[in-house]
C-alpha atoms as a PDB file:
ATOM      1  CA  MET A   1     -10.050  18.402  -2.520  1.00  0.00           C
ATOM      2  CA  ILE A   2      -6.603  19.221  -1.141  1.00  0.00           C
ATOM      3  CA  ALA A   3      -5.655  15.535  -1.287  1.00  0.00           C
ATOM      4  CA  VAL A   4      -6.641  15.292  -4.961  1.00  0.00           C
ATOM      5  CA  VAL A   5      -4.607  18.406  -5.815  1.00  0.00           C
ATOM      6  CA  GLY A   6      -1.646  16.987  -3.894  1.00  0.00           C
ATOM      7  CA  LEU A   7      -1.976  13.686  -5.731  1.00  0.00           C
ATOM      8  CA  LEU A   8      -2.044  15.428  -9.104  1.00  0.00           C
ATOM      9  CA  ILE A   9       0.992  17.554  -8.198  1.00  0.00           C
ATOM     10  CA  GLY A  10       2.827  14.404  -7.103  1.00  0.00           C
ATOM     11  CA  ILE A  11       2.004  12.555 -10.319  1.00  0.00           C
ATOM     12  CA  VAL A  12       3.045  15.466 -12.531  1.00  0.00           C
ATOM     13  CA  GLY A  13       6.209  15.984 -10.482  1.00  0.00           C
ATOM     14  CA  GLY A  14       7.096  12.298 -10.761  1.00  0.00           C
ATOM     15  CA  LEU A  15       6.549  12.289 -14.511  1.00  0.00           C
ATOM     16  CA  LEU A  16       8.591  15.450 -15.066  1.00  0.00           C
ATOM     17  CA  LEU A  17      11.452  14.722 -12.651  1.00  0.00           C
ATOM     18  CA  GLN A  18      11.601  10.953 -13.297  1.00  0.00           C
ATOM     19  CA  PRO A  19      13.214  10.043  -9.967  1.00  0.00           C
ATOM     20  CA  THR A  20      15.309   6.892  -9.734  1.00  0.00           C
ATOM     21  CA  VAL A  21      15.282   4.418  -6.887  1.00  0.00           C
ATOM     22  CA  PRO A  22      18.712   3.501  -5.480  1.00  0.00           C
ATOM     23  CA  THR A  23      19.628  -0.114  -6.185  1.00  0.00           C
ATOM     24  CA  GLU A  24      19.761  -0.912  -2.454  1.00  0.00           C
ATOM     25  CA  LEU A  25      16.101   0.066  -2.083  1.00  0.00           C
ATOM     26  CA  GLN A  26      14.741  -1.528  -5.264  1.00  0.00           C
ATOM     27  CA  PRO A  27      13.734  -4.843  -3.598  1.00  0.00           C
ATOM     28  CA  TYR A  28      11.576  -2.898  -1.127  1.00  0.00           C
ATOM     29  CA  LEU A  29       9.673  -0.746  -3.638  1.00  0.00           C
ATOM     30  CA  PRO A  30       7.185  -3.394  -4.864  1.00  0.00           C
ATOM     31  CA  ILE A  31       6.451  -4.428  -1.281  1.00  0.00           C
ATOM     32  CA  ALA A  32       5.903  -0.802  -0.261  1.00  0.00           C
ATOM     33  CA  VAL A  33       3.541  -0.268  -3.207  1.00  0.00           C
ATOM     34  CA  VAL A  34       1.481  -3.359  -2.332  1.00  0.00           C
ATOM     35  CA  ALA A  35       1.350  -2.290   1.337  1.00  0.00           C
ATOM     36  CA  ALA A  36       0.222   1.197   0.304  1.00  0.00           C
ATOM     37  CA  LEU A  37      -2.462  -0.276  -1.981  1.00  0.00           C
ATOM     38  CA  ASP A  38      -3.711  -2.366   0.937  1.00  0.00           C
ATOM     39  CA  ALA A  39      -4.089   0.763   3.047  1.00  0.00           C
ATOM     40  CA  LEU A  40      -5.814   2.625   0.211  1.00  0.00           C
ATOM     41  CA  PHE A  41      -8.350  -0.137  -0.377  1.00  0.00           C
ATOM     42  CA  GLY A  42      -8.917  -0.405   3.365  1.00  0.00           C
ATOM     43  CA  GLY A  43      -9.513   3.340   3.553  1.00  0.00           C
ATOM     44  CA  LEU A  44     -11.974   3.238   0.676  1.00  0.00           C
ATOM     45  CA  ARG A  45     -13.810   0.360   2.320  1.00  0.00           C
ATOM     46  CA  ALA A  46     -13.960   2.261   5.624  1.00  0.00           C
ATOM     47  CA  MET A  47     -15.276   5.332   3.809  1.00  0.00           C
ATOM     48  CA  LEU A  48     -18.053   3.300   2.208  1.00  0.00           C
ATOM     49  CA  ASP A  49     -18.859   1.729   5.595  1.00  0.00           C
ATOM     50  CA  GLY A  50     -19.070   5.217   7.086  1.00  0.00           C
ATOM     51  CA  ILE A  51     -16.276   4.641   9.621  1.00  0.00           C
ATOM     52  CA  PHE A  52     -13.378   6.400   7.878  1.00  0.00           C
ATOM     53  CA  ASP A  53     -10.961   8.294  10.124  1.00  0.00           C
ATOM     54  CA  ASP A  54      -8.148  10.199   8.469  1.00  0.00           C
ATOM     55  CA  ARG A  55      -5.742   9.690  11.379  1.00  0.00           C
ATOM     56  CA  VAL A  56      -6.339   5.942  11.399  1.00  0.00           C
ATOM     57  CA  PHE A  57      -5.851   5.883   7.625  1.00  0.00           C
ATOM     58  CA  LEU A  58      -2.557   7.792   7.798  1.00  0.00           C
ATOM     59  CA  ILE A  59      -1.194   5.601  10.583  1.00  0.00           C
ATOM     60  CA  SER A  60      -2.341   2.456   8.760  1.00  0.00           C
ATOM     61  CA  PHE A  61      -0.776   3.629   5.504  1.00  0.00           C
ATOM     62  CA  LEU A  62       2.597   4.443   7.065  1.00  0.00           C
ATOM     63  CA  SER A  63       2.730   1.426   9.372  1.00  0.00           C
ATOM     64  CA  ASN A  64       1.819  -0.994   6.558  1.00  0.00           C
ATOM     65  CA  VAL A  65       4.679   0.287   4.429  1.00  0.00           C
ATOM     66  CA  VAL A  66       7.197   0.291   7.297  1.00  0.00           C
ATOM     67  CA  VAL A  67       6.257  -3.157   8.628  1.00  0.00           C
ATOM     68  CA  ALA A  68       6.292  -4.718   5.153  1.00  0.00           C
ATOM     69  CA  ALA A  69       9.698  -3.178   4.415  1.00  0.00           C
ATOM     70  CA  LEU A  70      11.060  -4.379   7.764  1.00  0.00           C
ATOM     71  CA  ILE A  71       9.863  -7.928   7.108  1.00  0.00           C
ATOM     72  CA  VAL A  72      11.584  -7.950   3.723  1.00  0.00           C
ATOM     73  CA  PHE A  73      14.730  -6.413   5.255  1.00  0.00           C
ATOM     74  CA  LEU A  74      14.756  -9.117   7.927  1.00  0.00           C
ATOM     75  CA  GLY A  75      14.363 -11.746   5.223  1.00  0.00           C
ATOM     76  CA  ASP A  76      17.314 -10.264   3.327  1.00  0.00           C
ATOM     77  CA  GLN A  77      19.430 -10.380   6.473  1.00  0.00           C
ATOM     78  CA  LEU A  78      18.470 -14.024   7.060  1.00  0.00           C
ATOM     79  CA  GLY A  79      19.037 -14.946   3.416  1.00  0.00           C
ATOM     80  CA  VAL A  80      15.382 -15.715   2.714  1.00  0.00           C
ATOM     81  CA  GLY A  81      14.350 -12.334   1.305  1.00  0.00           C
ATOM     82  CA  THR A  82      12.439 -13.661  -1.688  1.00  0.00           C
ATOM     83  CA  GLN A  83      10.394 -16.070   0.423  1.00  0.00           C
ATOM     84  CA  LEU A  84       9.392 -13.382   2.909  1.00  0.00           C
ATOM     85  CA  SER A  85       8.690 -10.943   0.059  1.00  0.00           C
ATOM     86  CA  THR A  86       6.355 -13.510  -1.460  1.00  0.00           C
ATOM     87  CA  ALA A  87       4.671 -14.066   1.898  1.00  0.00           C
ATOM     88  CA  VAL A  88       4.104 -10.329   2.376  1.00  0.00           C
ATOM     89  CA  VAL A  89       2.660  -9.962  -1.130  1.00  0.00           C
ATOM     90  CA  VAL A  90       0.343 -12.954  -0.617  1.00  0.00           C
ATOM     91  CA  VAL A  91      -0.975 -11.710   2.730  1.00  0.00           C
ATOM     92  CA  LEU A  92      -1.461  -8.145   1.534  1.00  0.00           C
ATOM     93  CA  GLY A  93      -2.927  -9.403  -1.744  1.00  0.00           C
ATOM     94  CA  ILE A  94      -5.534 -11.394   0.158  1.00  0.00           C
ATOM     95  CA  ARG A  95      -6.431  -8.281   2.155  1.00  0.00           C
ATOM     96  CA  ILE A  96      -6.621  -6.164  -1.009  1.00  0.00           C
ATOM     97  CA  PHE A  97      -8.970  -8.626  -2.706  1.00  0.00           C
ATOM     98  CA  SER A  98     -11.075  -8.914   0.445  1.00  0.00           C
ATOM     99  CA  ASN A  99     -11.437  -5.139   0.599  1.00  0.00           C
ATOM    100  CA  ALA A 100     -12.132  -4.997  -3.147  1.00  0.00           C
ATOM    101  CA  ALA A 101     -14.913  -7.573  -2.729  1.00  0.00           C
ATOM    102  CA  SER A 102     -16.437  -5.526   0.075  1.00  0.00           C
ATOM    103  CA  ILE A 103     -16.225  -2.365  -2.043  1.00  0.00           C
ATOM    104  CA  ARG A 104     -17.857  -4.183  -4.949  1.00  0.00           C
ATOM    105  CA  ARG A 105     -20.688  -5.368  -2.693  1.00  0.00           C
ATOM    106  CA  HIS A 106     -21.173  -1.800  -1.479  1.00  0.00           C
ATOM    107  CA  LEU A 107     -21.203  -0.250  -4.938  1.00  0.00           C
ATOM    108  CA  PHE A 108     -23.116  -2.878  -6.904  1.00  0.00           C
ATOM    109  CA  LYS A 109     -25.155  -4.460  -4.101  1.00  0.00           C
ATOM    110  CA  ALA A 110     -23.912  -7.829  -5.353  1.00  0.00           C
END
């Protein structure tokens, strides 16, 4: 319940304060969002499988975002940022859809 309240406070705060992302960090935001979604879907799948651990989820969430951002940063430094960004989105997208399929099988038995 505390997590839901925190989420609602965060959403309301974001809507009221309307924070802006610095231009230097804007290329990393979509990658961070996709990495966070991957962790969220993985956590939901683990919860449905009965093996959810909040510490593992938190570490997975943070490490996914950091590793994805570092890969994109490395790509920017090498001059191939868009290619590595695309690669990160494809890999994480595959994982998201895999987790979504597992969640669907759990919920709908299909």
